Amino acid sequence: MKITVNGQEREVAPGTTLAQLVQQLNVRTDRIATERNLKVIPKAQYQDTVLEEGDKLEVVTFVGGG
């Protein structure tokens, strides 16, 4: 099924959870915020959030520095 991640179309298996997607993207969950269809998803819900055809996700990585 097709979803959009940070403006790029991506193919994922039906039933993929947000937690599985984050793992596929190889990003650390302690340094990201994720929005699904304009709604911020709390990290505690990643495992229970099943992605659906056409979802639009923004995964933002926090970077420290000064």
N, C-alpha and C. Protein backbone atom coordinates (compact mmCIF):
# COMPACT_ATOMS: atom_id res chain seq x y z
N MET A 1 0.84 -1.17 0.00
CA MET A 1 0.00 0.00 0.00
C MET A 1 0.89 1.23 0.00
N LYS A 2 0.37 2.33 -0.51
CA LYS A 2 1.17 3.54 -0.64
C LYS A 2 0.83 4.57 0.43
N ILE A 3 1.89 5.12 1.02
CA ILE A 3 1.77 6.22 1.97
C ILE A 3 2.79 7.28 1.54
N THR A 4 2.71 8.45 2.15
CA THR A 4 3.67 9.50 1.88
C THR A 4 4.40 9.83 3.17
N VAL A 5 5.74 9.80 3.12
CA VAL A 5 6.57 10.10 4.29
C VAL A 5 7.47 11.27 3.92
N ASN A 6 7.30 12.38 4.64
CA ASN A 6 8.10 13.58 4.39
C ASN A 6 8.08 13.98 2.91
N GLY A 7 6.89 13.90 2.31
CA GLY A 7 6.71 14.32 0.93
C GLY A 7 7.10 13.31 -0.13
N GLN A 8 7.58 12.14 0.28
CA GLN A 8 7.99 11.11 -0.68
C GLN A 8 7.08 9.89 -0.56
N GLU A 9 6.60 9.42 -1.71
CA GLU A 9 5.76 8.24 -1.70
C GLU A 9 6.58 7.02 -1.30
N ARG A 10 5.95 6.15 -0.52
CA ARG A 10 6.65 4.95 -0.02
C ARG A 10 5.65 3.80 0.00
N GLU A 11 6.14 2.63 -0.33
CA GLU A 11 5.32 1.41 -0.32
C GLU A 11 5.57 0.67 0.99
N VAL A 12 4.49 0.31 1.70
CA VAL A 12 4.61 -0.49 2.92
C VAL A 12 3.58 -1.61 2.87
N ALA A 13 3.83 -2.64 3.63
CA ALA A 13 2.91 -3.78 3.67
C ALA A 13 1.64 -3.40 4.43
N PRO A 14 0.50 -3.92 4.00
CA PRO A 14 -0.73 -3.69 4.76
C PRO A 14 -0.54 -4.17 6.20
N GLY A 15 -1.08 -3.42 7.15
CA GLY A 15 -0.96 -3.78 8.55
C GLY A 15 0.28 -3.23 9.23
N THR A 16 1.11 -2.48 8.48
CA THR A 16 2.32 -1.90 9.06
C THR A 16 1.93 -0.87 10.12
N THR A 17 2.58 -0.96 11.28
CA THR A 17 2.34 0.03 12.34
C THR A 17 3.33 1.18 12.21
N LEU A 18 3.02 2.27 12.89
CA LEU A 18 3.93 3.41 12.89
C LEU A 18 5.27 3.01 13.52
N ALA A 19 5.25 2.17 14.53
CA ALA A 19 6.49 1.70 15.16
C ALA A 19 7.35 0.94 14.15
N GLN A 20 6.72 0.10 13.34
CA GLN A 20 7.47 -0.66 12.33
C GLN A 20 8.05 0.28 11.27
N LEU A 21 7.28 1.29 10.87
CA LEU A 21 7.77 2.24 9.88
C LEU A 21 8.98 2.99 10.41
N VAL A 22 8.90 3.46 11.65
CA VAL A 22 10.02 4.19 12.25
C VAL A 22 11.27 3.30 12.28
N GLN A 23 11.08 2.04 12.58
CA GLN A 23 12.21 1.10 12.57
C GLN A 23 12.78 0.96 11.16
N GLN A 24 11.91 0.88 10.15
CA GLN A 24 12.36 0.78 8.76
C GLN A 24 13.13 2.03 8.34
N LEU A 25 12.72 3.18 8.86
CA LEU A 25 13.39 4.44 8.53
C LEU A 25 14.72 4.58 9.26
N ASN A 26 14.95 3.69 10.23
CA ASN A 26 16.20 3.67 10.98
C ASN A 26 16.47 4.98 11.72
N VAL A 27 15.42 5.47 12.41
CA VAL A 27 15.56 6.67 13.24
C VAL A 27 15.27 6.32 14.69
N ARG A 28 15.89 7.06 15.60
CA ARG A 28 15.69 6.82 17.03
C ARG A 28 14.41 7.51 17.48
N THR A 29 13.55 6.77 18.16
CA THR A 29 12.27 7.33 18.58
C THR A 29 12.41 8.42 19.64
N ASP A 30 13.53 8.44 20.37
CA ASP A 30 13.68 9.47 21.39
C ASP A 30 14.05 10.83 20.79
N ARG A 31 14.31 10.87 19.49
CA ARG A 31 14.71 12.12 18.83
C ARG A 31 13.80 12.53 17.68
N ILE A 32 12.54 12.02 17.68
CA ILE A 32 11.63 12.37 16.60
C ILE A 32 10.26 12.78 17.13
N ALA A 33 9.54 13.46 16.28
CA ALA A 33 8.11 13.72 16.47
C ALA A 33 7.46 13.28 15.16
N THR A 34 6.28 12.69 15.25
CA THR A 34 5.62 12.18 14.06
C THR A 34 4.19 12.70 13.97
N GLU A 35 3.86 13.14 12.77
CA GLU A 35 2.52 13.64 12.48
C GLU A 35 1.91 12.74 11.41
N ARG A 36 0.68 12.34 11.64
CA ARG A 36 -0.04 11.50 10.67
C ARG A 36 -1.31 12.25 10.27
N ASN A 37 -1.41 12.58 9.01
CA ASN A 37 -2.58 13.30 8.49
C ASN A 37 -2.89 14.54 9.34
N LEU A 38 -1.85 15.33 9.61
CA LEU A 38 -1.92 16.61 10.33
C LEU A 38 -2.21 16.47 11.82
N LYS A 39 -2.07 15.27 12.37
CA LYS A 39 -2.28 15.05 13.81
C LYS A 39 -1.03 14.43 14.40
N VAL A 40 -0.50 15.05 15.47
CA VAL A 40 0.69 14.53 16.14
C VAL A 40 0.32 13.23 16.85
N ILE A 41 1.16 12.22 16.67
CA ILE A 41 0.94 10.91 17.30
C ILE A 41 1.92 10.76 18.46
N PRO A 42 1.41 10.58 19.69
CA PRO A 42 2.31 10.36 20.83
C PRO A 42 3.09 9.06 20.66
N LYS A 43 4.32 9.06 21.12
CA LYS A 43 5.18 7.87 20.99
C LYS A 43 4.53 6.63 21.61
N ALA A 44 3.77 6.81 22.66
CA ALA A 44 3.11 5.69 23.32
C ALA A 44 2.10 5.00 22.41
N GLN A 45 1.69 5.66 21.33
CA GLN A 45 0.69 5.08 20.41
C GLN A 45 1.31 4.52 19.13
N TYR A 46 2.62 4.62 18.95
CA TYR A 46 3.26 4.14 17.72
C TYR A 46 2.95 2.67 17.46
N GLN A 47 3.03 1.84 18.49
CA GLN A 47 2.83 0.39 18.33
C GLN A 47 1.40 0.06 17.92
N ASP A 48 0.44 0.88 18.36
CA ASP A 48 -0.97 0.60 18.10
C ASP A 48 -1.52 1.34 16.88
N THR A 49 -0.71 2.20 16.26
CA THR A 49 -1.17 2.98 15.12
C THR A 49 -0.87 2.23 13.82
N VAL A 50 -1.92 1.68 13.23
CA VAL A 50 -1.78 0.93 11.98
C VAL A 50 -1.96 1.91 10.82
N LEU A 51 -0.98 1.92 9.93
CA LEU A 51 -1.01 2.83 8.80
C LEU A 51 -2.04 2.38 7.78
N GLU A 52 -2.60 3.36 7.06
CA GLU A 52 -3.62 3.07 6.06
C GLU A 52 -3.23 3.67 4.72
N GLU A 53 -3.74 3.10 3.66
CA GLU A 53 -3.50 3.59 2.30
C GLU A 53 -3.74 5.09 2.24
N GLY A 54 -2.77 5.82 1.68
CA GLY A 54 -2.92 7.26 1.49
C GLY A 54 -2.51 8.12 2.66
N ASP A 55 -2.10 7.50 3.79
CA ASP A 55 -1.66 8.30 4.94
C ASP A 55 -0.52 9.23 4.53
N LYS A 56 -0.53 10.43 5.12
CA LYS A 56 0.56 11.38 4.91
C LYS A 56 1.24 11.59 6.26
N LEU A 57 2.53 11.24 6.31
CA LEU A 57 3.29 11.32 7.55
C LEU A 57 4.43 12.31 7.42
N GLU A 58 4.68 13.01 8.50
CA GLU A 58 5.86 13.87 8.61
C GLU A 58 6.62 13.37 9.82
N VAL A 59 7.87 12.99 9.62
CA VAL A 59 8.74 12.52 10.69
C VAL A 59 9.84 13.56 10.84
N VAL A 60 9.85 14.24 11.98
CA VAL A 60 10.79 15.32 12.22
C VAL A 60 11.82 14.85 13.23
N THR A 61 13.08 14.99 12.89
CA THR A 61 14.18 14.62 13.78
C THR A 61 14.71 15.85 14.48
N PHE A 62 14.86 15.76 15.80
CA PHE A 62 15.42 16.86 16.58
C PHE A 62 16.93 16.81 16.52
N VAL A 63 17.54 17.96 16.34
CA VAL A 63 18.99 18.06 16.27
C VAL A 63 19.44 19.08 17.31
N GLY A 64 20.38 18.69 18.14
CA GLY A 64 20.91 19.62 19.14
C GLY A 64 22.08 20.42 18.59
N GLY A 65 22.41 21.45 19.27
CA GLY A 65 23.53 22.26 18.83
C GLY A 65 23.35 23.71 19.23
N GLY A 66 24.29 24.49 18.85
CA GLY A 66 24.15 25.88 19.22
C GLY A 66 25.05 26.76 18.42
